[in-house]
Protein backbone atom coordinates (compact mmCIF):
# COMPACT_ATOMS: atom_id res chain seq x y z
CA UNK A 1 -0.05 0.01 0.08
CA UNK A 2 1.71 3.21 -1.07
CA UNK A 3 -1.26 5.85 -1.29
CA UNK A 4 -2.67 8.15 1.14
CA UNK A 5 -6.10 7.54 0.30
CA UNK A 6 -6.99 11.21 -0.43
CA UNK A 7 -7.00 13.95 -3.14
CA UNK A 8 -5.39 17.48 -2.98
CA UNK A 9 -4.76 20.32 -5.17
CA UNK A 10 -2.67 23.45 -5.49
CA UNK A 11 -2.73 27.10 -6.56
CA UNK A 12 0.34 29.18 -7.37
CA UNK A 13 1.55 32.17 -9.33
CA UNK A 14 4.80 32.59 -11.16
CA UNK A 15 6.68 35.60 -12.78
CA UNK A 16 9.72 35.38 -14.94
CA UNK A 17 11.68 38.11 -16.68
CA UNK A 18 14.71 38.63 -18.85
CA UNK A 19 16.88 41.64 -19.52
CA UNK A 20 20.01 41.29 -21.66
CA UNK A 21 22.24 38.64 -20.12
CA UNK A 22 20.21 38.30 -16.94
CA UNK A 23 17.10 36.29 -16.29
CA UNK A 24 14.98 35.51 -13.12
CA UNK A 25 11.96 34.06 -11.90
CA UNK A 26 9.67 34.04 -8.67
CA UNK A 27 6.84 31.55 -7.65
CA UNK A 28 4.59 31.10 -4.75
CA UNK A 29 1.73 29.07 -3.94
CA UNK A 30 -0.21 26.86 -1.49
CA UNK A 31 -1.00 23.24 -1.75
CA UNK A 32 -4.27 21.94 -0.21
CA UNK A 33 -4.05 18.40 1.24
CA UNK A 34 -6.96 16.01 1.96
CA UNK A 35 -6.70 13.93 5.09
CA UNK A 36 -5.04 10.76 4.20
CA UNK A 37 -4.71 7.39 5.90
CA UNK A 38 -1.03 7.94 6.68
CA UNK A 39 -0.51 9.98 10.04
CA UNK A 40 -3.93 11.68 9.74
CA UNK A 41 -3.73 13.39 13.00
CA UNK A 42 -0.35 14.88 12.15
CA UNK A 43 -0.90 16.07 8.61
CA UNK A 44 -0.98 19.69 7.81
CA UNK A 45 -3.84 20.50 5.41
CA UNK A 46 -2.14 23.50 3.79
CA UNK A 47 1.41 23.84 2.74
CA UNK A 48 2.85 27.16 1.54
CA UNK A 49 5.62 26.99 -0.93
CA UNK A 50 7.74 29.21 -3.09
CA UNK A 51 10.90 29.71 -5.00
CA UNK A 52 13.22 32.33 -6.79
CA UNK A 53 16.01 32.11 -8.99
CA UNK A 54 18.59 34.24 -11.20
CA UNK A 55 20.44 33.26 -14.29
CA UNK A 56 23.41 34.99 -15.98
CA UNK A 57 24.49 34.16 -19.61
CA UNK A 58 28.23 33.82 -19.04
CA UNK A 59 29.16 32.97 -22.57
CA UNK A 60 26.64 32.12 -25.53
CA UNK A 61 26.76 28.34 -24.67
CA UNK A 62 26.55 28.61 -20.67
CA UNK A 63 24.09 30.29 -18.41
CA UNK A 64 24.95 30.08 -14.80
CA UNK A 65 21.87 29.82 -12.60
CA UNK A 66 21.02 29.99 -8.85
CA UNK A 67 17.68 28.93 -7.25
CA UNK A 68 16.09 28.76 -3.82
CA UNK A 69 12.94 26.74 -3.01
CA UNK A 70 11.04 26.24 0.09
CA UNK A 71 7.88 24.88 1.65
CA UNK A 72 6.43 24.52 5.16
CA UNK A 73 6.54 21.24 7.01
CA UNK A 74 4.14 18.65 5.74
CA UNK A 75 3.34 17.21 9.32
CA UNK A 76 3.41 18.45 12.85
CA UNK A 77 4.36 16.87 16.28
CA UNK A 78 6.52 14.09 14.60
CA UNK A 79 9.70 12.55 16.16
CA UNK A 80 11.15 12.36 12.59
CA UNK A 81 12.50 15.72 11.76
CA UNK A 82 12.30 15.44 7.85
CA UNK A 83 8.44 15.30 8.47
CA UNK A 84 8.09 18.08 10.70
CA UNK A 85 10.75 20.78 9.56
CA UNK A 86 10.26 23.46 7.08
CA UNK A 87 12.34 22.73 3.89
CA UNK A 88 14.67 25.06 1.96
CA UNK A 89 16.93 24.11 -0.91
CA UNK A 90 19.59 26.02 -2.58
CA UNK A 91 20.59 24.86 -6.16
CA UNK A 92 23.46 26.02 -8.16
CA UNK A 93 24.67 25.00 -11.57
CA UNK A 94 24.43 25.89 -15.22
CA UNK A 95 22.45 25.51 -18.35
CA UNK A 96 24.48 24.41 -21.29
CA UNK A 97 23.47 25.10 -24.83
CA UNK A 98 24.22 22.01 -26.92
CA UNK A 99 22.54 23.11 -30.14
CA UNK A 100 20.00 25.58 -31.43
CA UNK A 101 17.10 23.98 -29.54
CA UNK A 102 18.99 21.47 -27.21
CA UNK A 103 19.85 22.43 -23.45
CA UNK A 104 21.41 20.50 -20.73
CA UNK A 105 20.52 21.74 -17.15
CA UNK A 106 23.10 20.56 -14.51
CA UNK A 107 22.48 21.74 -10.84
CA UNK A 108 23.80 20.78 -7.36
CA UNK A 109 21.30 21.10 -4.67
CA UNK A 110 22.03 21.54 -0.99
CA UNK A 111 19.68 21.19 1.95
CA UNK A 112 19.72 24.52 3.88
CA UNK A 113 16.96 23.52 6.24
CA UNK A 114 19.13 20.64 7.76
CA UNK A 115 17.31 17.25 7.94
CA UNK A 116 14.21 18.51 6.10
CA UNK A 117 15.08 17.11 2.78
CA UNK A 118 18.08 15.17 0.95
CA UNK A 119 21.33 16.68 2.27
CA UNK A 120 22.81 16.90 -1.31
CA UNK A 121 21.43 15.88 -4.68
CA UNK A 122 22.15 16.41 -8.32
CA UNK A 123 19.46 17.73 -10.86
CA UNK A 124 20.01 16.86 -14.52
CA UNK A 125 17.58 17.56 -17.49
CA UNK A 126 17.84 17.46 -21.19
CA UNK A 127 15.66 19.65 -23.26
CA UNK A 128 15.32 19.50 -27.00
């Protein structure tokens, strides 16, 4: 059994801008969570979240980027800190232009909210 036995939804807004070699974005929202079967008394029904990032085109084939993402804790009164701590992650990396319409995104992510999410991770994506 891997499901929570419930439905939920979210509402968010985003803004993105570019000016010359600079780019950036901001996003904020809230997730509405139904009462599930797993730890129902400890679940938070709403979870605010958000993020912001900035990028700079260092050379025509490389854009360096920095991003911060955060959300409030998904549960309360848990003995497991990853369940009851707010989470904030910092990602740093680059977007490599491999062709006219092909990009490789490589970012390294660090958990700034200690013990709230994976301590270190690597994000990779290929777009074409």
